[in-house]
Amino acid sequence: ENNFSKYMDVKHCVGVANGTDAVEIAVNCLNLNSDDEIITQANTYVATCFGVTSNKIKLKLVDIDEETYQMNLDELEKKITSKTKVIIVVHLTGSCCNMDKLMEIVNKYDLILIEDCAQSHGACFNGKKLGSYGLIATHSFYPGKNLGAFGDGGAVCTSNQDICYKIQQIRNNGSIEKYKHEIFGRNSRLDTIQAAILDIKLCNLDDNNEKRRMNAKLYFELLENVCEIKLPKIEDGCLPVYHLFIIIVKNEKRDKLKTYLENNNIGVGIHYPITISNLKCYENYFEDNFINAEKNSKNILSLPMFPDLTVEEINTVCSTIKQFFNNYT
C-alpha cells in the first residue's frame, strides 16, 4: 500500500479484494443520497456501474468520443444537473480524455471526481499520473491488468485522510481496531500473498509499460495504411500504457476478421461487445441512446497486447490482418 501510493503520487492506498469492490467502496464512503446522480461513460465494464447502483445511487451514462473512445466531455457537461454529485471517469484501454478540460468541468460544477484506473496503471496526462487527479482513484489488480496479481485484488487511493479512514473501516467489517466495529462494513481485504506479489511486480511496471508502448508503435506503423481499419487516437498530452490495443474494423467485417485471426491461432478479444445500456441487468434503466459507444461495440477488436509480445508475433498479426482483407475484397 505504501509503495503503490508513492508510485501513484497520492498520500494513501487501501488494498481491497478486487476492482469491483474498489468502486463500490469508493462510492459508499461518500455518504450520497438515493436521489443523487453519478455519471460515467457508456463503454466501460459493468463493474464500474455496479459500484454505483449497488449503493442505490442513480446512474447516468454519457457517450464517448468517436476518435479516442474516451468520455465525451462536451456531452458530459450537457448531462450535469443539480442532482449530479460525482463523475466516474474510466481511463479505458490505458489512455484518457483531456484531463485538464475534465477538471475544469468538475471544478465548475463543484463535483467529486472518481478515477477508475483498472486499465491505466502508470499512465500520465501532461506528466501527472492518472489516478492522482480525483478525490478517489480505484484500481483492479486482476491478473490480466498491467499491474496484475496471481488472483483477484484491488485498491482505493486518495490523498484525503478522512476518506482513507472511512475506506479502511468499510473494507474491514467497519473496524479499524479489532472487535470495535464503528460502522457497517464488509470483508474486502487485499490478500497478503497477492500484496507481496504486486509489490515485486510494481518494480517492473514502468519497464513493462514501455514495452507495451513499443508494441503499439509497431502496430501503428504496420497497420496505418490498411484502409479497412481505423486505429485509436491518443489525446494530446496523454502517455498511454496500452492495456489494450483496439482497432475499429469497418464495413461490418469485425466478426469475420476475428474468426479468421482465431483460425490462424491469433487470440483476439472484444472489449466490450455489449454496451452498458443494452445489458439485460440494466434493461429500461437508461432513457438515452449512446450512438458512438453502441457503434464501437459492433466494430471494435482488441489485438494481442502484452509486454513480452515479440516483433515477429506483431508482424504475424499484422500480415494476417492484411491477408484477410486481400482475400476478403
C-alpha atoms as a PDB file:
ATOM      1  CA  GLU A   1       0.000   0.000   0.000  1.00  0.00           C
ATOM      2  CA  ASN A   2       2.774   2.451   0.903  1.00  0.00           C
ATOM      3  CA  ASN A   3       4.783   1.699  -2.217  1.00  0.00           C
ATOM      4  CA  PHE A   4       1.795   1.932  -4.547  1.00  0.00           C
ATOM      5  CA  SER A   5       0.626   5.228  -3.056  1.00  0.00           C
ATOM      6  CA  LYS A   6       4.108   6.683  -3.625  1.00  0.00           C
ATOM      7  CA  TYR A   7       4.117   5.378  -7.182  1.00  0.00           C
ATOM      8  CA  MET A   8       0.686   6.923  -7.822  1.00  0.00           C
ATOM      9  CA  ASP A   9       1.689  10.279  -6.278  1.00  0.00           C
ATOM     10  CA  VAL A  10      -1.107  10.138  -3.694  1.00  0.00           C
ATOM     11  CA  LYS A  11      -0.949  10.020   0.094  1.00  0.00           C
ATOM     12  CA  HIS A  12      -2.954   6.877   0.838  1.00  0.00           C
ATOM     13  CA  CYS A  13      -3.634   3.469  -0.681  1.00  0.00           C
ATOM     14  CA  VAL A  14      -6.051   0.947   0.825  1.00  0.00           C
ATOM     15  CA  GLY A  15      -5.940  -2.581  -0.560  1.00  0.00           C
ATOM     16  CA  VAL A  16      -9.266  -4.322  -1.187  1.00  0.00           C
ATOM     17  CA  ALA A  17     -10.365  -7.681  -2.538  1.00  0.00           C
ATOM     18  CA  ASN A  18     -10.961  -6.679  -6.173  1.00  0.00           C
ATOM     19  CA  GLY A  19     -11.634  -3.789  -8.532  1.00  0.00           C
ATOM     20  CA  THR A  20     -15.410  -4.063  -8.286  1.00  0.00           C
ATOM     21  CA  ASP A  21     -15.245  -3.696  -4.513  1.00  0.00           C
ATOM     22  CA  ALA A  22     -12.906  -0.741  -5.003  1.00  0.00           C
ATOM     23  CA  VAL A  23     -15.541   1.218  -6.944  1.00  0.00           C
ATOM     24  CA  GLU A  24     -18.367   0.162  -4.642  1.00  0.00           C
ATOM     25  CA  ILE A  25     -16.438   1.163  -1.503  1.00  0.00           C
ATOM     26  CA  ALA A  26     -15.331   4.447  -3.091  1.00  0.00           C
ATOM     27  CA  VAL A  27     -18.950   5.400  -3.750  1.00  0.00           C
ATOM     28  CA  ASN A  28     -20.074   4.082  -0.372  1.00  0.00           C
ATOM     29  CA  CYS A  29     -17.664   6.300   1.572  1.00  0.00           C
ATOM     30  CA  LEU A  30     -19.125   9.496   0.069  1.00  0.00           C
ATOM     31  CA  ASN A  31     -22.430   9.318   2.022  1.00  0.00           C
ATOM     32  CA  LEU A  32     -24.581  10.126  -1.002  1.00  0.00           C
ATOM     33  CA  ASN A  33     -28.389  10.073  -1.086  1.00  0.00           C
ATOM     34  CA  SER A  34     -30.522   7.855  -3.300  1.00  0.00           C
ATOM     35  CA  ASP A  35     -31.680  10.826  -5.399  1.00  0.00           C
ATOM     36  CA  ASP A  36     -28.094  11.921  -6.106  1.00  0.00           C
ATOM     37  CA  GLU A  37     -26.641  11.160  -9.537  1.00  0.00           C
ATOM     38  CA  ILE A  38     -23.324   9.743 -10.680  1.00  0.00           C
ATOM     39  CA  ILE A  39     -22.244   9.985 -14.311  1.00  0.00           C
ATOM     40  CA  THR A  40     -19.863   7.600 -16.057  1.00  0.00           C
ATOM     41  CA  GLN A  41     -19.219   6.607 -19.660  1.00  0.00           C
ATOM     42  CA  ALA A  42     -21.275   4.221 -21.773  1.00  0.00           C
ATOM     43  CA  ASN A  43     -18.407   1.961 -22.861  1.00  0.00           C
ATOM     44  CA  THR A  44     -16.997   0.895 -19.516  1.00  0.00           C
ATOM     45  CA  TYR A  45     -17.022  -2.577 -17.958  1.00  0.00           C
ATOM     46  CA  VAL A  46     -20.148  -3.323 -15.946  1.00  0.00           C
ATOM     47  CA  ALA A  47     -18.249  -3.365 -12.620  1.00  0.00           C
ATOM     48  CA  THR A  48     -17.929   0.426 -12.755  1.00  0.00           C
ATOM     49  CA  CYS A  49     -21.700   0.726 -12.930  1.00  0.00           C
ATOM     50  CA  PHE A  50     -22.367  -1.930 -10.294  1.00  0.00           C
ATOM     51  CA  GLY A  51     -20.265   0.175  -7.933  1.00  0.00           C
ATOM     52  CA  VAL A  52     -22.913   2.885  -8.290  1.00  0.00           C
ATOM     53  CA  THR A  53     -26.211   1.009  -8.464  1.00  0.00           C
ATOM     54  CA  SER A  54     -25.260  -1.435  -5.681  1.00  0.00           C
ATOM     55  CA  ASN A  55     -25.125   1.655  -3.460  1.00  0.00           C
ATOM     56  CA  LYS A  56     -28.635   2.576  -4.699  1.00  0.00           C
ATOM     57  CA  ILE A  57     -27.397   5.783  -6.320  1.00  0.00           C
ATOM     58  CA  LYS A  58     -28.851   6.968  -9.634  1.00  0.00           C
ATOM     59  CA  LEU A  59     -26.529   6.118 -12.539  1.00  0.00           C
ATOM     60  CA  LYS A  60     -26.327   8.200 -15.724  1.00  0.00           C
ATOM     61  CA  LEU A  61     -24.224   7.457 -18.788  1.00  0.00           C
ATOM     62  CA  VAL A  62     -22.527   9.749 -21.267  1.00  0.00           C
ATOM     63  CA  ASP A  63     -21.432   8.826 -24.789  1.00  0.00           C
ATOM     64  CA  ILE A  64     -17.801   8.557 -25.857  1.00  0.00           C
ATOM     65  CA  ASP A  65     -15.572  10.497 -28.200  1.00  0.00           C
ATOM     66  CA  GLU A  66     -15.619   8.929 -31.655  1.00  0.00           C
ATOM     67  CA  GLU A  67     -11.848   9.186 -32.100  1.00  0.00           C
ATOM     68  CA  THR A  68     -10.331   8.411 -28.681  1.00  0.00           C
ATOM     69  CA  TYR A  69     -13.089   6.117 -27.298  1.00  0.00           C
ATOM     70  CA  GLN A  70     -12.832   8.043 -24.028  1.00  0.00           C
ATOM     71  CA  MET A  71     -15.547  10.049 -22.255  1.00  0.00           C
ATOM     72  CA  ASN A  72     -17.040  12.788 -24.444  1.00  0.00           C
ATOM     73  CA  LEU A  73     -16.577  15.873 -22.288  1.00  0.00           C
ATOM     74  CA  ASP A  74     -18.911  18.093 -24.309  1.00  0.00           C
ATOM     75  CA  GLU A  75     -21.691  15.549 -23.829  1.00  0.00           C
ATOM     76  CA  LEU A  76     -20.755  15.191 -20.166  1.00  0.00           C
ATOM     77  CA  GLU A  77     -21.386  18.860 -19.434  1.00  0.00           C
ATOM     78  CA  LYS A  78     -24.825  18.617 -21.045  1.00  0.00           C
ATOM     79  CA  LYS A  79     -25.753  15.738 -18.713  1.00  0.00           C
ATOM     80  CA  ILE A  80     -24.910  17.530 -15.459  1.00  0.00           C
ATOM     81  CA  THR A  81     -27.895  18.584 -13.331  1.00  0.00           C
ATOM     82  CA  SER A  82     -28.392  19.916  -9.815  1.00  0.00           C
ATOM     83  CA  LYS A  83     -28.547  16.272  -8.656  1.00  0.00           C
ATOM     84  CA  THR A  84     -25.189  15.342 -10.136  1.00  0.00           C
ATOM     85  CA  LYS A  85     -22.630  14.812  -7.386  1.00  0.00           C
ATOM     86  CA  VAL A  86     -19.923  12.550  -8.833  1.00  0.00           C
ATOM     87  CA  ILE A  87     -18.201  11.864 -12.144  1.00  0.00           C
ATOM     88  CA  ILE A  88     -16.513   8.497 -12.600  1.00  0.00           C
ATOM     89  CA  VAL A  89     -14.063   8.722 -15.483  1.00  0.00           C
ATOM     90  CA  VAL A  90     -12.732   5.403 -16.755  1.00  0.00           C
ATOM     91  CA  HIS A  91      -9.259   5.509 -18.284  1.00  0.00           C
ATOM     92  CA  LEU A  92     -10.195   2.817 -20.754  1.00  0.00           C
ATOM     93  CA  THR A  93      -7.524   0.822 -22.628  1.00  0.00           C
ATOM     94  CA  GLY A  94      -4.796   2.618 -20.632  1.00  0.00           C
ATOM     95  CA  SER A  95      -5.483   6.004 -22.209  1.00  0.00           C
ATOM     96  CA  CYS A  96      -7.530   9.039 -21.145  1.00  0.00           C
ATOM     97  CA  CYS A  97      -9.615  12.031 -22.138  1.00  0.00           C
ATOM     98  CA  ASN A  98      -8.374  15.611 -21.781  1.00  0.00           C
ATOM     99  CA  MET A  99      -7.907  15.693 -18.008  1.00  0.00           C
ATOM    100  CA  ASP A 100      -7.402  19.464 -17.854  1.00  0.00           C
ATOM    101  CA  LYS A 101     -10.773  20.013 -19.511  1.00  0.00           C
ATOM    102  CA  LEU A 102     -12.398  17.398 -17.271  1.00  0.00           C
ATOM    103  CA  MET A 103     -11.052  19.088 -14.134  1.00  0.00           C
ATOM    104  CA  GLU A 104     -12.422  22.425 -15.360  1.00  0.00           C
ATOM    105  CA  ILE A 105     -15.878  20.839 -15.575  1.00  0.00           C
ATOM    106  CA  VAL A 106     -15.524  19.137 -12.182  1.00  0.00           C
ATOM    107  CA  ASN A 107     -14.481  22.385 -10.515  1.00  0.00           C
ATOM    108  CA  LYS A 108     -17.060  24.493 -12.357  1.00  0.00           C
ATOM    109  CA  TYR A 109     -19.942  22.407 -11.019  1.00  0.00           C
ATOM    110  CA  ASP A 110     -18.335  21.547  -7.660  1.00  0.00           C
ATOM    111  CA  LEU A 111     -18.370  17.800  -8.338  1.00  0.00           C
ATOM    112  CA  ILE A 112     -16.405  14.878  -6.945  1.00  0.00           C
ATOM    113  CA  LEU A 113     -14.164  13.003  -9.382  1.00  0.00           C
ATOM    114  CA  ILE A 114     -13.519   9.283  -9.047  1.00  0.00           C
ATOM    115  CA  GLU A 115     -10.972   7.827 -11.459  1.00  0.00           C
ATOM    116  CA  ASP A 116     -11.421   4.198 -12.476  1.00  0.00           C
ATOM    117  CA  CYS A 117      -7.822   3.198 -13.154  1.00  0.00           C
ATOM    118  CA  ALA A 118      -8.340  -0.527 -13.655  1.00  0.00           C
ATOM    119  CA  GLN A 119      -6.671  -0.362 -17.084  1.00  0.00           C
ATOM    120  CA  SER A 120      -4.293   2.569 -16.649  1.00  0.00           C
ATOM    121  CA  HIS A 121      -1.608   1.727 -14.073  1.00  0.00           C
ATOM    122  CA  GLY A 122       1.299   4.064 -14.790  1.00  0.00           C
ATOM    123  CA  ALA A 123      -0.361   6.223 -17.449  1.00  0.00           C
ATOM    124  CA  CYS A 124       0.022  10.010 -17.299  1.00  0.00           C
ATOM    125  CA  PHE A 125      -1.524  13.175 -18.671  1.00  0.00           C
ATOM    126  CA  ASN A 126       0.886  16.094 -19.103  1.00  0.00           C
ATOM    127  CA  GLY A 127       3.293  14.323 -16.755  1.00  0.00           C
ATOM    128  CA  LYS A 128       0.737  13.812 -13.961  1.00  0.00           C
ATOM    129  CA  LYS A 129      -0.281  10.266 -13.030  1.00  0.00           C
ATOM    130  CA  LEU A 130      -3.777   9.184 -13.921  1.00  0.00           C
ATOM    131  CA  GLY A 131      -5.279   8.372 -10.549  1.00  0.00           C
ATOM    132  CA  SER A 132      -3.886  11.494  -8.884  1.00  0.00           C
ATOM    133  CA  TYR A 133      -6.454  13.936 -10.312  1.00  0.00           C
ATOM    134  CA  GLY A 134      -9.624  12.957  -8.484  1.00  0.00           C
ATOM    135  CA  LEU A 135     -10.642  12.762  -4.850  1.00  0.00           C
ATOM    136  CA  ILE A 136     -10.533   8.985  -5.171  1.00  0.00           C
ATOM    137  CA  ALA A 137      -8.997   6.504  -7.621  1.00  0.00           C
ATOM    138  CA  THR A 138      -9.935   2.847  -7.858  1.00  0.00           C
ATOM    139  CA  HIS A 139      -7.709   0.052  -9.125  1.00  0.00           C
ATOM    140  CA  SER A 140      -8.100  -3.561 -10.167  1.00  0.00           C
ATOM    141  CA  PHE A 141      -5.196  -5.978  -9.893  1.00  0.00           C
ATOM    142  CA  TYR A 142      -6.897  -8.804 -11.785  1.00  0.00           C
ATOM    143  CA  PRO A 143      -4.129 -10.981 -13.325  1.00  0.00           C
ATOM    144  CA  GLY A 144      -4.597  -9.575 -16.839  1.00  0.00           C
ATOM    145  CA  LYS A 145      -4.058  -5.940 -15.797  1.00  0.00           C
ATOM    146  CA  ASN A 146      -0.841  -4.003 -16.408  1.00  0.00           C
ATOM    147  CA  LEU A 147      -0.176  -4.466 -12.700  1.00  0.00           C
ATOM    148  CA  GLY A 148      -1.764  -7.838 -12.028  1.00  0.00           C
ATOM    149  CA  ALA A 149      -1.703 -10.201  -9.075  1.00  0.00           C
ATOM    150  CA  PHE A 150      -1.866 -14.008  -9.265  1.00  0.00           C
ATOM    151  CA  GLY A 151      -5.553 -13.774  -8.350  1.00  0.00           C
ATOM    152  CA  ASP A 152      -8.086 -11.071  -7.579  1.00  0.00           C
ATOM    153  CA  GLY A 153      -7.060  -7.841  -5.909  1.00  0.00           C
ATOM    154  CA  GLY A 154      -7.808  -4.141  -5.896  1.00  0.00           C
ATOM    155  CA  ALA A 155      -7.099  -0.830  -4.195  1.00  0.00           C
ATOM    156  CA  VAL A 156      -8.638   2.536  -3.443  1.00  0.00           C
ATOM    157  CA  CYS A 157      -6.302   5.549  -3.427  1.00  0.00           C
ATOM    158  CA  THR A 158      -6.838   9.073  -2.094  1.00  0.00           C
ATOM    159  CA  SER A 159      -4.931  11.984  -0.622  1.00  0.00           C
ATOM    160  CA  ASN A 160      -7.789  12.777   1.768  1.00  0.00           C
ATOM    161  CA  GLN A 161      -7.168  11.417   5.289  1.00  0.00           C
ATOM    162  CA  ASP A 162     -10.860  11.254   6.252  1.00  0.00           C
ATOM    163  CA  ILE A 163     -11.761   9.374   3.069  1.00  0.00           C
ATOM    164  CA  CYS A 164      -8.875   6.973   3.679  1.00  0.00           C
ATOM    165  CA  TYR A 165     -10.076   6.261   7.226  1.00  0.00           C
ATOM    166  CA  LYS A 166     -13.606   5.564   6.007  1.00  0.00           C
ATOM    167  CA  ILE A 167     -12.354   3.201   3.291  1.00  0.00           C
ATOM    168  CA  GLN A 168     -10.198   1.355   5.830  1.00  0.00           C
ATOM    169  CA  GLN A 169     -13.259   0.917   8.024  1.00  0.00           C
ATOM    170  CA  ILE A 170     -15.549  -0.300   5.266  1.00  0.00           C
ATOM    171  CA  ARG A 171     -13.103  -2.868   3.871  1.00  0.00           C
ATOM    172  CA  ASN A 172     -12.532  -4.387   7.316  1.00  0.00           C
ATOM    173  CA  ASN A 173     -16.074  -5.007   8.581  1.00  0.00           C
ATOM    174  CA  GLY A 174     -16.447  -1.431   9.802  1.00  0.00           C
ATOM    175  CA  SER A 175     -13.444  -1.712  12.083  1.00  0.00           C
ATOM    176  CA  ILE A 176     -10.018  -0.118  12.426  1.00  0.00           C
ATOM    177  CA  GLU A 177      -9.263  -1.581  15.857  1.00  0.00           C
ATOM    178  CA  LYS A 178     -10.068  -5.276  16.218  1.00  0.00           C
ATOM    179  CA  TYR A 179     -13.556  -6.022  17.618  1.00  0.00           C
ATOM    180  CA  LYS A 180     -14.528  -2.337  17.622  1.00  0.00           C
ATOM    181  CA  HIS A 181     -16.994  -2.033  14.751  1.00  0.00           C
ATOM    182  CA  GLU A 182     -17.916   1.624  14.405  1.00  0.00           C
ATOM    183  CA  ILE A 183     -19.941   1.410  11.172  1.00  0.00           C
ATOM    184  CA  PHE A 184     -21.472  -1.229   8.907  1.00  0.00           C
ATOM    185  CA  GLY A 185     -18.732  -2.611   6.656  1.00  0.00           C
ATOM    186  CA  ARG A 186     -17.706  -5.660   4.700  1.00  0.00           C
ATOM    187  CA  ASN A 187     -14.861  -8.134   4.365  1.00  0.00           C
ATOM    188  CA  SER A 188     -12.836  -6.856   1.405  1.00  0.00           C
ATOM    189  CA  ARG A 189      -9.191  -7.004   2.377  1.00  0.00           C
ATOM    190  CA  LEU A 190      -6.372  -7.449  -0.140  1.00  0.00           C
ATOM    191  CA  ASP A 191      -4.864 -10.891   0.396  1.00  0.00           C
ATOM    192  CA  THR A 192      -1.357 -10.613   1.864  1.00  0.00           C
ATOM    193  CA  ILE A 193       0.177 -13.017  -0.654  1.00  0.00           C
ATOM    194  CA  GLN A 194      -1.291 -11.032  -3.544  1.00  0.00           C
ATOM    195  CA  ALA A 195       0.056  -7.818  -1.993  1.00  0.00           C
ATOM    196  CA  ALA A 196       3.548  -9.334  -1.806  1.00  0.00           C
ATOM    197  CA  ILE A 197       3.370 -10.383  -5.464  1.00  0.00           C
ATOM    198  CA  LEU A 198       2.123  -6.932  -6.502  1.00  0.00           C
ATOM    199  CA  ASP A 199       4.914  -5.257  -4.546  1.00  0.00           C
ATOM    200  CA  ILE A 200       7.514  -7.170  -6.584  1.00  0.00           C
ATOM    201  CA  LYS A 201       5.727  -6.653  -9.905  1.00  0.00           C
ATOM    202  CA  LEU A 202       5.385  -2.919  -9.214  1.00  0.00           C
ATOM    203  CA  CYS A 203       9.168  -2.591  -9.661  1.00  0.00           C
ATOM    204  CA  ASN A 204       8.806  -3.722 -13.283  1.00  0.00           C
ATOM    205  CA  LEU A 205       5.627  -1.812 -14.163  1.00  0.00           C
ATOM    206  CA  ASP A 206       7.251   1.150 -15.919  1.00  0.00           C
ATOM    207  CA  ASP A 207       9.549  -1.084 -17.967  1.00  0.00           C
ATOM    208  CA  ASN A 208       6.638  -3.297 -18.985  1.00  0.00           C
ATOM    209  CA  ASN A 209       4.525  -0.269 -19.898  1.00  0.00           C
ATOM    210  CA  GLU A 210       7.329   0.990 -22.128  1.00  0.00           C
ATOM    211  CA  LYS A 211       7.386  -2.392 -23.857  1.00  0.00           C
ATOM    212  CA  ARG A 212       3.645  -2.043 -24.464  1.00  0.00           C
ATOM    213  CA  ARG A 213       4.202   1.398 -25.989  1.00  0.00           C
ATOM    214  CA  MET A 214       6.862  -0.014 -28.300  1.00  0.00           C
ATOM    215  CA  ASN A 215       4.476  -2.798 -29.323  1.00  0.00           C
ATOM    216  CA  ALA A 216       1.766  -0.226 -30.024  1.00  0.00           C
ATOM    217  CA  LYS A 217       4.193   1.873 -32.072  1.00  0.00           C
ATOM    218  CA  LEU A 218       4.898  -1.132 -34.295  1.00  0.00           C
ATOM    219  CA  TYR A 219       1.183  -1.848 -34.673  1.00  0.00           C
ATOM    220  CA  PHE A 220       0.612   1.752 -35.770  1.00  0.00           C
ATOM    221  CA  GLU A 221       3.450   1.555 -38.304  1.00  0.00           C
ATOM    222  CA  LEU A 222       2.335  -1.755 -39.804  1.00  0.00           C
ATOM    223  CA  LEU A 223      -1.397  -1.038 -39.919  1.00  0.00           C
ATOM    224  CA  GLU A 224      -1.523   2.671 -40.777  1.00  0.00           C
ATOM    225  CA  ASN A 225      -2.129   2.028 -44.480  1.00  0.00           C
ATOM    226  CA  VAL A 226      -4.810  -0.626 -44.039  1.00  0.00           C
ATOM    227  CA  CYS A 227      -7.815   1.412 -45.104  1.00  0.00           C
ATOM    228  CA  GLU A 228     -10.347  -1.140 -43.850  1.00  0.00           C
ATOM    229  CA  ILE A 229      -9.472  -0.470 -40.211  1.00  0.00           C
ATOM    230  CA  LYS A 230      -9.286   2.624 -38.009  1.00  0.00           C
ATOM    231  CA  LEU A 231      -6.560   2.992 -35.411  1.00  0.00           C
ATOM    232  CA  PRO A 232      -7.116   4.613 -31.999  1.00  0.00           C
ATOM    233  CA  LYS A 233      -6.332   8.279 -31.476  1.00  0.00           C
ATOM    234  CA  ILE A 234      -4.437   9.242 -28.329  1.00  0.00           C
ATOM    235  CA  GLU A 235      -5.394  12.517 -26.631  1.00  0.00           C
ATOM    236  CA  ASP A 236      -2.669  15.168 -26.829  1.00  0.00           C
ATOM    237  CA  GLY A 237      -0.719  15.109 -23.565  1.00  0.00           C
ATOM    238  CA  CYS A 238      -1.576  11.502 -22.722  1.00  0.00           C
ATOM    239  CA  LEU A 239       1.185   8.965 -22.122  1.00  0.00           C
ATOM    240  CA  PRO A 240      -0.810   5.726 -22.550  1.00  0.00           C
ATOM    241  CA  VAL A 241       0.076   2.296 -21.218  1.00  0.00           C
ATOM    242  CA  TYR A 242      -1.867   0.252 -23.796  1.00  0.00           C
ATOM    243  CA  HIS A 243      -3.634  -2.196 -21.538  1.00  0.00           C
ATOM    244  CA  LEU A 244      -5.482  -2.936 -24.771  1.00  0.00           C
ATOM    245  CA  PHE A 245      -4.733  -2.161 -28.407  1.00  0.00           C
ATOM    246  CA  ILE A 246      -8.100  -1.676 -30.048  1.00  0.00           C
ATOM    247  CA  ILE A 247      -8.860  -1.225 -33.726  1.00  0.00           C
ATOM    248  CA  ILE A 248     -12.125  -0.393 -35.468  1.00  0.00           C
ATOM    249  CA  VAL A 249     -12.976  -2.773 -38.303  1.00  0.00           C
ATOM    250  CA  LYS A 250     -15.030  -1.015 -40.956  1.00  0.00           C
ATOM    251  CA  ASN A 251     -17.935  -2.247 -43.089  1.00  0.00           C
ATOM    252  CA  GLU A 252     -19.249  -4.866 -40.653  1.00  0.00           C
ATOM    253  CA  LYS A 253     -16.276  -7.187 -41.162  1.00  0.00           C
ATOM    254  CA  ARG A 254     -15.241  -7.371 -37.495  1.00  0.00           C
ATOM    255  CA  ASP A 255     -16.637 -10.806 -36.710  1.00  0.00           C
ATOM    256  CA  LYS A 256     -15.245 -12.350 -39.890  1.00  0.00           C
ATOM    257  CA  LEU A 257     -11.802 -10.888 -39.192  1.00  0.00           C
ATOM    258  CA  LYS A 258     -11.992 -12.161 -35.600  1.00  0.00           C
ATOM    259  CA  THR A 259     -12.772 -15.681 -36.804  1.00  0.00           C
ATOM    260  CA  TYR A 260     -10.016 -15.521 -39.435  1.00  0.00           C
ATOM    261  CA  LEU A 261      -7.409 -14.493 -36.872  1.00  0.00           C
ATOM    262  CA  GLU A 262      -8.522 -17.164 -34.410  1.00  0.00           C
ATOM    263  CA  ASN A 263      -8.386 -19.788 -37.155  1.00  0.00           C
ATOM    264  CA  ASN A 264      -4.778 -18.706 -37.642  1.00  0.00           C
ATOM    265  CA  ASN A 265      -4.007 -19.204 -33.938  1.00  0.00           C
ATOM    266  CA  ILE A 266      -4.085 -15.486 -33.079  1.00  0.00           C
ATOM    267  CA  GLY A 267      -6.044 -14.702 -29.942  1.00  0.00           C
ATOM    268  CA  VAL A 268      -8.164 -11.545 -30.073  1.00  0.00           C
ATOM    269  CA  GLY A 269     -10.948 -10.079 -27.908  1.00  0.00           C
ATOM    270  CA  ILE A 270     -13.832  -7.626 -27.892  1.00  0.00           C
ATOM    271  CA  HIS A 271     -13.892  -5.001 -25.118  1.00  0.00           C
ATOM    272  CA  TYR A 272     -16.846  -4.752 -24.887  1.00  0.00           C
ATOM    273  CA  PRO A 273     -19.384  -6.476 -27.177  1.00  0.00           C
ATOM    274  CA  ILE A 274     -22.459  -5.126 -25.346  1.00  0.00           C
ATOM    275  CA  THR A 275     -22.760  -1.561 -24.083  1.00  0.00           C
ATOM    276  CA  ILE A 276     -23.980  -0.960 -20.535  1.00  0.00           C
ATOM    277  CA  SER A 277     -27.320   0.412 -21.769  1.00  0.00           C
ATOM    278  CA  ASN A 278     -28.006  -2.810 -23.683  1.00  0.00           C
ATOM    279  CA  LEU A 279     -27.230  -5.247 -20.871  1.00  0.00           C
ATOM    280  CA  LYS A 280     -30.148  -7.273 -19.545  1.00  0.00           C
ATOM    281  CA  CYS A 281     -29.430  -6.214 -15.970  1.00  0.00           C
ATOM    282  CA  TYR A 282     -29.953  -2.543 -16.948  1.00  0.00           C
ATOM    283  CA  GLU A 283     -32.975  -3.124 -19.158  1.00  0.00           C
ATOM    284  CA  ASN A 284     -35.194   0.007 -19.230  1.00  0.00           C
ATOM    285  CA  TYR A 285     -32.822   1.811 -16.844  1.00  0.00           C
ATOM    286  CA  PHE A 286     -31.455   4.409 -19.274  1.00  0.00           C
ATOM    287  CA  GLU A 287     -33.545   6.706 -21.428  1.00  0.00           C
ATOM    288  CA  ASP A 288     -30.849   7.941 -23.825  1.00  0.00           C
ATOM    289  CA  ASN A 289     -29.078   6.370 -26.771  1.00  0.00           C
ATOM    290  CA  PHE A 290     -25.288   6.272 -26.858  1.00  0.00           C
ATOM    291  CA  ILE A 291     -24.542   6.264 -30.557  1.00  0.00           C
ATOM    292  CA  ASN A 292     -20.737   6.201 -30.571  1.00  0.00           C
ATOM    293  CA  ALA A 293     -20.456   3.588 -27.820  1.00  0.00           C
ATOM    294  CA  GLU A 294     -23.023   1.334 -29.462  1.00  0.00           C
ATOM    295  CA  LYS A 295     -21.386   1.697 -32.881  1.00  0.00           C
ATOM    296  CA  ASN A 296     -17.986   0.878 -31.409  1.00  0.00           C
ATOM    297  CA  SER A 297     -19.286  -2.227 -29.646  1.00  0.00           C
ATOM    298  CA  LYS A 298     -20.160  -3.672 -33.053  1.00  0.00           C
ATOM    299  CA  ASN A 299     -16.826  -2.840 -34.709  1.00  0.00           C
ATOM    300  CA  ILE A 300     -14.035  -2.907 -32.098  1.00  0.00           C
ATOM    301  CA  LEU A 301     -11.430  -5.640 -31.923  1.00  0.00           C
ATOM    302  CA  SER A 302      -8.619  -5.995 -29.369  1.00  0.00           C
ATOM    303  CA  LEU A 303      -5.369  -7.274 -30.845  1.00  0.00           C
ATOM    304  CA  PRO A 304      -2.764  -9.170 -28.805  1.00  0.00           C
ATOM    305  CA  MET A 305      -1.040  -6.810 -26.358  1.00  0.00           C
ATOM    306  CA  PHE A 306       1.332  -7.713 -23.531  1.00  0.00           C
ATOM    307  CA  PRO A 307       4.905  -6.698 -22.639  1.00  0.00           C
ATOM    308  CA  ASP A 308       6.652  -9.798 -23.990  1.00  0.00           C
ATOM    309  CA  LEU A 309       4.908  -9.740 -27.344  1.00  0.00           C
ATOM    310  CA  THR A 310       7.682 -10.115 -29.940  1.00  0.00           C
ATOM    311  CA  VAL A 311       8.297  -8.191 -33.141  1.00  0.00           C
ATOM    312  CA  GLU A 312       7.834 -11.437 -35.052  1.00  0.00           C
ATOM    313  CA  GLU A 313       4.449 -12.034 -33.412  1.00  0.00           C
ATOM    314  CA  ILE A 314       3.250  -8.487 -34.151  1.00  0.00           C
ATOM    315  CA  ASN A 315       4.390  -8.888 -37.760  1.00  0.00           C
ATOM    316  CA  THR A 316       2.406 -12.121 -37.945  1.00  0.00           C
ATOM    317  CA  VAL A 317      -0.727 -10.468 -36.554  1.00  0.00           C
ATOM    318  CA  CYS A 318      -0.498  -7.554 -38.987  1.00  0.00           C
ATOM    319  CA  SER A 319       0.334  -9.656 -42.028  1.00  0.00           C
ATOM    320  CA  THR A 320      -2.602 -11.949 -41.226  1.00  0.00           C
ATOM    321  CA  ILE A 321      -4.924  -8.935 -40.978  1.00  0.00           C
ATOM    322  CA  LYS A 322      -3.705  -7.706 -44.375  1.00  0.00           C
ATOM    323  CA  GLN A 323      -4.074 -11.198 -45.782  1.00  0.00           C
ATOM    324  CA  PHE A 324      -7.687 -11.308 -44.616  1.00  0.00           C
ATOM    325  CA  PHE A 325      -8.595  -8.061 -46.352  1.00  0.00           C
ATOM    326  CA  ASN A 326      -6.759  -9.054 -49.534  1.00  0.00           C
ATOM    327  CA  ASN A 327      -8.705 -12.310 -49.641  1.00  0.00           C
ATOM    328  CA  TYR A 328     -11.998 -10.830 -48.488  1.00  0.00           C
ATOM    329  CA  THR A 329     -12.097  -7.998 -51.007  1.00  0.00           C
END
